[in-house]
Amino acid sequence: MLPTVSKTRSTPSTSRPNSMFPQYLRRIVKWQQMDIEYTFWQMLHLCTAPKVVSIVHMNYYGGCSYQHTKYHKQTKNQWARDDPAFVVICSLLLAVATIAYCAAYDHSAAHAVFVVISVLLFHFLLTGVFLATCCWFLTNAYLREEAPNSHVVEQRVEWLYAFDVHCNSFFPMFVMLYGNFMVNVCLTLRL
């Protein structure tokens, strides 16, 4: 079953998907409120045991991982992360790797700034927005089950959850590609 959010209720929960994205963007600048430890825990498990993070967002404090996700859905009525720390840390790591690339190949400072901005905007954010939007649309349009009776609430997949899926899949690829690149640069520069 796909993680979903209710669309047809007339309760205050219907305004949550619309108000979630601006709230998410506001939290990007409040780095003191981000759960950095949990984000690094997720990043580690995305590389070592991706099934743990991809199936459910596990609780590193102990206890049942499914229960943590179930309680998150019940209390906040959303499946997506409400903490932008994953996107911020992934962007910072991508910027550091891009700066290292520019330093290894002796690019000018102006060119390095251009490369960092283009990698962050085009390779990570805009590609992620495009892929998340396509997957969100296809999932909501074609992959949902129709309710067999009128007692079931119609469900839809959240766009922010689709973007979380992009972030979860981008990070291991980033570690493999850029990690391999850094090792090769170190070996090449020593020769």
C-alpha atoms as a PDB file:
ATOM      1  CA  MET A   1       0.000   0.000   0.000  1.00  0.00           C
ATOM      2  CA  LEU A   2       1.321   3.435  -0.887  1.00  0.00           C
ATOM      3  CA  PRO A   3       1.842   6.089   1.814  1.00  0.00           C
ATOM      4  CA  THR A   4      -1.035   8.446   1.341  1.00  0.00           C
ATOM      5  CA  VAL A   5      -2.799  11.496   2.670  1.00  0.00           C
ATOM      6  CA  SER A   6      -6.523  12.111   2.825  1.00  0.00           C
ATOM      7  CA  LYS A   7      -8.011  14.482   0.265  1.00  0.00           C
ATOM      8  CA  THR A   8     -11.734  14.414   0.925  1.00  0.00           C
ATOM      9  CA  ARG A   9     -12.028  15.120   4.632  1.00  0.00           C
ATOM     10  CA  SER A  10     -13.445  18.459   5.643  1.00  0.00           C
ATOM     11  CA  THR A  11     -11.413  18.604   8.857  1.00  0.00           C
ATOM     12  CA  PRO A  12      -8.375  20.833   9.446  1.00  0.00           C
ATOM     13  CA  SER A  13      -6.183  17.978   8.176  1.00  0.00           C
ATOM     14  CA  THR A  14      -7.027  18.937   4.592  1.00  0.00           C
ATOM     15  CA  SER A  15      -5.124  22.187   4.959  1.00  0.00           C
ATOM     16  CA  ARG A  16      -2.000  20.387   6.184  1.00  0.00           C
ATOM     17  CA  PRO A  17      -0.659  19.254   2.765  1.00  0.00           C
ATOM     18  CA  ASN A  18      -0.982  22.805   1.459  1.00  0.00           C
ATOM     19  CA  SER A  19       0.641  24.380   4.518  1.00  0.00           C
ATOM     20  CA  MET A  20       3.367  21.737   4.872  1.00  0.00           C
ATOM     21  CA  PHE A  21       5.619  22.936   2.055  1.00  0.00           C
ATOM     22  CA  PRO A  22       5.984  26.582   3.234  1.00  0.00           C
ATOM     23  CA  GLN A  23       6.566  25.296   6.769  1.00  0.00           C
ATOM     24  CA  TYR A  24       9.227  22.918   5.405  1.00  0.00           C
ATOM     25  CA  LEU A  25      10.962  25.821   3.618  1.00  0.00           C
ATOM     26  CA  ARG A  26      10.860  27.973   6.772  1.00  0.00           C
ATOM     27  CA  ARG A  27      12.553  25.199   8.738  1.00  0.00           C
ATOM     28  CA  ILE A  28      15.521  25.168   6.342  1.00  0.00           C
ATOM     29  CA  VAL A  29      16.879  28.400   7.835  1.00  0.00           C
ATOM     30  CA  LYS A  30      16.311  27.253  11.440  1.00  0.00           C
ATOM     31  CA  TRP A  31      19.233  24.844  11.670  1.00  0.00           C
ATOM     32  CA  GLN A  32      19.089  24.725  15.486  1.00  0.00           C
ATOM     33  CA  GLN A  33      15.758  22.900  15.243  1.00  0.00           C
ATOM     34  CA  MET A  34      16.952  20.274  12.758  1.00  0.00           C
ATOM     35  CA  ASP A  35      17.521  16.732  13.960  1.00  0.00           C
ATOM     36  CA  ILE A  36      21.056  16.333  12.606  1.00  0.00           C
ATOM     37  CA  GLU A  37      21.829  13.122  14.502  1.00  0.00           C
ATOM     38  CA  TYR A  38      18.762  11.351  13.128  1.00  0.00           C
ATOM     39  CA  THR A  39      19.599  12.573   9.626  1.00  0.00           C
ATOM     40  CA  PHE A  40      23.122  11.151   9.784  1.00  0.00           C
ATOM     41  CA  TRP A  41      21.635   7.932  11.148  1.00  0.00           C
ATOM     42  CA  GLN A  42      19.342   7.741   8.107  1.00  0.00           C
ATOM     43  CA  MET A  43      22.230   8.489   5.739  1.00  0.00           C
ATOM     44  CA  LEU A  44      24.349   5.759   7.292  1.00  0.00           C
ATOM     45  CA  HIS A  45      21.540   3.241   6.995  1.00  0.00           C
ATOM     46  CA  LEU A  46      20.787   4.275   3.404  1.00  0.00           C
ATOM     47  CA  CYS A  47      24.325   3.163   2.536  1.00  0.00           C
ATOM     48  CA  THR A  48      24.627   0.115   4.802  1.00  0.00           C
ATOM     49  CA  ALA A  49      21.064  -1.225   5.093  1.00  0.00           C
ATOM     50  CA  PRO A  50      18.741   0.654   2.713  1.00  0.00           C
ATOM     51  CA  LYS A  51      15.817  -1.648   3.432  1.00  0.00           C
ATOM     52  CA  VAL A  52      15.650  -0.236   6.953  1.00  0.00           C
ATOM     53  CA  VAL A  53      15.065   3.337   5.743  1.00  0.00           C
ATOM     54  CA  SER A  54      13.249   2.668   2.478  1.00  0.00           C
ATOM     55  CA  ILE A  55      10.477   0.614   4.033  1.00  0.00           C
ATOM     56  CA  VAL A  56       9.956   2.757   7.113  1.00  0.00           C
ATOM     57  CA  HIS A  57      11.629   5.678   8.831  1.00  0.00           C
ATOM     58  CA  MET A  58      13.110   3.780  11.765  1.00  0.00           C
ATOM     59  CA  ASN A  59      13.409   5.125  15.281  1.00  0.00           C
ATOM     60  CA  TYR A  60      17.026   5.145  16.442  1.00  0.00           C
ATOM     61  CA  TYR A  61      15.926   5.575  20.053  1.00  0.00           C
ATOM     62  CA  GLY A  62      14.850   1.933  20.082  1.00  0.00           C
ATOM     63  CA  GLY A  63      11.488   0.308  19.819  1.00  0.00           C
ATOM     64  CA  CYS A  64       9.569  -0.901  16.834  1.00  0.00           C
ATOM     65  CA  SER A  65      10.382   0.974  13.649  1.00  0.00           C
ATOM     66  CA  TYR A  66       6.944   0.476  12.165  1.00  0.00           C
ATOM     67  CA  GLN A  67       5.340   1.833  15.315  1.00  0.00           C
ATOM     68  CA  HIS A  68       7.414   5.017  15.012  1.00  0.00           C
ATOM     69  CA  THR A  69       6.263   5.574  11.437  1.00  0.00           C
ATOM     70  CA  LYS A  70       2.689   4.703  12.305  1.00  0.00           C
ATOM     71  CA  TYR A  71       2.702   7.200  15.179  1.00  0.00           C
ATOM     72  CA  HIS A  72       4.252   9.852  12.918  1.00  0.00           C
ATOM     73  CA  LYS A  73       1.420   9.350  10.432  1.00  0.00           C
ATOM     74  CA  GLN A  74      -1.203   9.363  13.187  1.00  0.00           C
ATOM     75  CA  THR A  75       0.076  12.477  14.959  1.00  0.00           C
ATOM     76  CA  LYS A  76       1.085  14.603  11.979  1.00  0.00           C
ATOM     77  CA  ASN A  77      -1.088  13.032   9.244  1.00  0.00           C
ATOM     78  CA  GLN A  78       1.821  12.807   6.815  1.00  0.00           C
ATOM     79  CA  TRP A  79       4.371  10.264   5.679  1.00  0.00           C
ATOM     80  CA  ALA A  80       7.022  12.722   4.501  1.00  0.00           C
ATOM     81  CA  ARG A  81       9.828  14.072   6.670  1.00  0.00           C
ATOM     82  CA  ASP A  82       8.898  17.333   8.295  1.00  0.00           C
ATOM     83  CA  ASP A  83      12.560  18.052   9.020  1.00  0.00           C
ATOM     84  CA  PRO A  84      14.563  19.464   6.066  1.00  0.00           C
ATOM     85  CA  ALA A  85      17.885  18.395   7.619  1.00  0.00           C
ATOM     86  CA  PHE A  86      18.330  15.570   5.093  1.00  0.00           C
ATOM     87  CA  VAL A  87      18.082  17.958   2.133  1.00  0.00           C
ATOM     88  CA  VAL A  88      20.341  20.541   3.808  1.00  0.00           C
ATOM     89  CA  ILE A  89      23.072  18.046   4.761  1.00  0.00           C
ATOM     90  CA  CYS A  90      22.926  16.330   1.371  1.00  0.00           C
ATOM     91  CA  SER A  91      23.273  19.742  -0.317  1.00  0.00           C
ATOM     92  CA  LEU A  92      26.235  20.661   1.908  1.00  0.00           C
ATOM     93  CA  LEU A  93      27.987  17.354   1.182  1.00  0.00           C
ATOM     94  CA  LEU A  94      27.340  17.819  -2.526  1.00  0.00           C
ATOM     95  CA  ALA A  95      28.775  21.356  -2.369  1.00  0.00           C
ATOM     96  CA  VAL A  96      31.903  20.135  -0.541  1.00  0.00           C
ATOM     97  CA  ALA A  97      32.424  17.353  -3.093  1.00  0.00           C
ATOM     98  CA  THR A  98      31.976  19.806  -5.961  1.00  0.00           C
ATOM     99  CA  ILE A  99      34.455  22.249  -4.415  1.00  0.00           C
ATOM    100  CA  ALA A 100      36.929  19.377  -4.041  1.00  0.00           C
ATOM    101  CA  TYR A 101      36.400  18.531  -7.709  1.00  0.00           C
ATOM    102  CA  CYS A 102      37.055  22.149  -8.726  1.00  0.00           C
ATOM    103  CA  ALA A 103      40.158  22.304  -6.509  1.00  0.00           C
ATOM    104  CA  ALA A 104      41.505  19.046  -7.953  1.00  0.00           C
ATOM    105  CA  TYR A 105      41.216  20.294 -11.509  1.00  0.00           C
ATOM    106  CA  ASP A 106      42.428  23.868 -10.836  1.00  0.00           C
ATOM    107  CA  HIS A 107      39.276  25.735 -11.799  1.00  0.00           C
ATOM    108  CA  SER A 108      39.056  29.456 -11.103  1.00  0.00           C
ATOM    109  CA  ALA A 109      37.001  30.683  -8.153  1.00  0.00           C
ATOM    110  CA  ALA A 110      34.292  32.108 -10.418  1.00  0.00           C
ATOM    111  CA  HIS A 111      34.041  28.850 -12.337  1.00  0.00           C
ATOM    112  CA  ALA A 112      33.955  26.887  -9.066  1.00  0.00           C
ATOM    113  CA  VAL A 113      31.018  28.976  -7.805  1.00  0.00           C
ATOM    114  CA  PHE A 114      29.205  28.403 -11.105  1.00  0.00           C
ATOM    115  CA  VAL A 115      29.827  24.640 -10.942  1.00  0.00           C
ATOM    116  CA  VAL A 116      28.675  24.390  -7.303  1.00  0.00           C
ATOM    117  CA  ILE A 117      25.465  26.299  -8.018  1.00  0.00           C
ATOM    118  CA  SER A 118      24.731  24.316 -11.174  1.00  0.00           C
ATOM    119  CA  VAL A 119      25.350  20.970  -9.455  1.00  0.00           C
ATOM    120  CA  LEU A 120      23.145  21.895  -6.491  1.00  0.00           C
ATOM    121  CA  LEU A 121      20.356  23.391  -8.572  1.00  0.00           C
ATOM    122  CA  PHE A 122      20.306  21.125 -11.618  1.00  0.00           C
ATOM    123  CA  HIS A 123      21.738  17.785 -10.476  1.00  0.00           C
ATOM    124  CA  PHE A 124      20.008  17.640  -7.113  1.00  0.00           C
ATOM    125  CA  LEU A 125      17.127  20.060  -6.613  1.00  0.00           C
ATOM    126  CA  LEU A 126      15.562  20.609 -10.050  1.00  0.00           C
ATOM    127  CA  THR A 127      16.074  16.999 -11.115  1.00  0.00           C
ATOM    128  CA  GLY A 128      14.543  15.925  -7.815  1.00  0.00           C
ATOM    129  CA  VAL A 129      11.588  18.279  -8.196  1.00  0.00           C
ATOM    130  CA  PHE A 130      10.991  17.025 -11.749  1.00  0.00           C
ATOM    131  CA  LEU A 131      11.252  13.331 -10.828  1.00  0.00           C
ATOM    132  CA  ALA A 132       9.181  13.753  -7.666  1.00  0.00           C
ATOM    133  CA  THR A 133       6.472  15.597  -9.582  1.00  0.00           C
ATOM    134  CA  CYS A 134       6.344  12.944 -12.319  1.00  0.00           C
ATOM    135  CA  CYS A 135       6.228  10.073  -9.822  1.00  0.00           C
ATOM    136  CA  TRP A 136       3.707  11.899  -7.636  1.00  0.00           C
ATOM    137  CA  PHE A 137       1.423  12.499 -10.632  1.00  0.00           C
ATOM    138  CA  LEU A 138       1.730   8.948 -11.989  1.00  0.00           C
ATOM    139  CA  THR A 139       1.153   7.437  -8.562  1.00  0.00           C
ATOM    140  CA  ASN A 140      -1.919   9.523  -7.827  1.00  0.00           C
ATOM    141  CA  ALA A 141      -3.337   9.158 -11.336  1.00  0.00           C
ATOM    142  CA  TYR A 142      -2.728   5.473 -12.069  1.00  0.00           C
ATOM    143  CA  LEU A 143      -1.466   3.477  -9.074  1.00  0.00           C
ATOM    144  CA  ARG A 144      -4.151   4.113  -6.482  1.00  0.00           C
ATOM    145  CA  GLU A 145      -6.888   1.629  -5.691  1.00  0.00           C
ATOM    146  CA  GLU A 146     -10.399   2.928  -6.019  1.00  0.00           C
ATOM    147  CA  ALA A 147     -12.456   2.747  -2.851  1.00  0.00           C
ATOM    148  CA  PRO A 148     -14.907  -0.190  -3.094  1.00  0.00           C
ATOM    149  CA  ASN A 149     -17.483   1.535  -0.891  1.00  0.00           C
ATOM    150  CA  SER A 150     -18.327   4.957   0.428  1.00  0.00           C
ATOM    151  CA  HIS A 151     -16.961   4.282   3.924  1.00  0.00           C
ATOM    152  CA  VAL A 152     -13.331   4.398   2.803  1.00  0.00           C
ATOM    153  CA  VAL A 153     -11.584   7.771   2.632  1.00  0.00           C
ATOM    154  CA  GLU A 154      -9.932   8.518  -0.705  1.00  0.00           C
ATOM    155  CA  GLN A 155      -6.158   8.635  -0.329  1.00  0.00           C
ATOM    156  CA  ARG A 156      -3.420  10.434  -2.270  1.00  0.00           C
ATOM    157  CA  VAL A 157       0.385  10.313  -2.159  1.00  0.00           C
ATOM    158  CA  GLU A 158       2.068  13.458  -0.795  1.00  0.00           C
ATOM    159  CA  TRP A 159       4.419  15.365  -3.099  1.00  0.00           C
ATOM    160  CA  LEU A 160       6.910  15.869  -0.275  1.00  0.00           C
ATOM    161  CA  TYR A 161       7.001  12.105   0.260  1.00  0.00           C
ATOM    162  CA  ALA A 162       7.867  11.658  -3.432  1.00  0.00           C
ATOM    163  CA  PHE A 163      10.702  14.163  -2.951  1.00  0.00           C
ATOM    164  CA  ASP A 164      11.875  12.189   0.111  1.00  0.00           C
ATOM    165  CA  VAL A 165      12.046   9.082  -2.066  1.00  0.00           C
ATOM    166  CA  HIS A 166      14.256  11.035  -4.504  1.00  0.00           C
ATOM    167  CA  CYS A 167      16.535  12.145  -1.658  1.00  0.00           C
ATOM    168  CA  ASN A 168      16.731   8.600  -0.289  1.00  0.00           C
ATOM    169  CA  SER A 169      17.760   7.266  -3.691  1.00  0.00           C
ATOM    170  CA  PHE A 170      20.119  10.148  -4.526  1.00  0.00           C
ATOM    171  CA  PHE A 171      22.304   9.858  -1.436  1.00  0.00           C
ATOM    172  CA  PRO A 172      23.704   6.312  -1.944  1.00  0.00           C
ATOM    173  CA  MET A 173      24.346   7.138  -5.609  1.00  0.00           C
ATOM    174  CA  PHE A 174      26.123  10.320  -4.513  1.00  0.00           C
ATOM    175  CA  VAL A 175      28.300   8.389  -2.051  1.00  0.00           C
ATOM    176  CA  MET A 176      29.238   5.761  -4.641  1.00  0.00           C
ATOM    177  CA  LEU A 177      29.926   8.127  -7.536  1.00  0.00           C
ATOM    178  CA  TYR A 178      31.608  10.972  -5.692  1.00  0.00           C
ATOM    179  CA  GLY A 179      33.413   8.656  -3.282  1.00  0.00           C
ATOM    180  CA  ASN A 180      34.797   6.668  -6.207  1.00  0.00           C
ATOM    181  CA  PHE A 181      35.713   9.917  -7.947  1.00  0.00           C
ATOM    182  CA  MET A 182      37.608  11.216  -4.904  1.00  0.00           C
ATOM    183  CA  VAL A 183      39.586   7.983  -4.592  1.00  0.00           C
ATOM    184  CA  ASN A 184      40.466   8.126  -8.292  1.00  0.00           C
ATOM    185  CA  VAL A 185      41.505  11.785  -8.042  1.00  0.00           C
ATOM    186  CA  CYS A 186      43.771  11.001  -5.086  1.00  0.00           C
ATOM    187  CA  LEU A 187      45.358   8.113  -6.978  1.00  0.00           C
ATOM    188  CA  THR A 188      45.761  10.180 -10.147  1.00  0.00           C
ATOM    189  CA  LEU A 189      47.319  13.170  -8.396  1.00  0.00           C
ATOM    190  CA  ARG A 190      49.870  10.951  -6.618  1.00  0.00           C
ATOM    191  CA  LEU A 191      51.134   9.504  -9.904  1.00  0.00           C
END
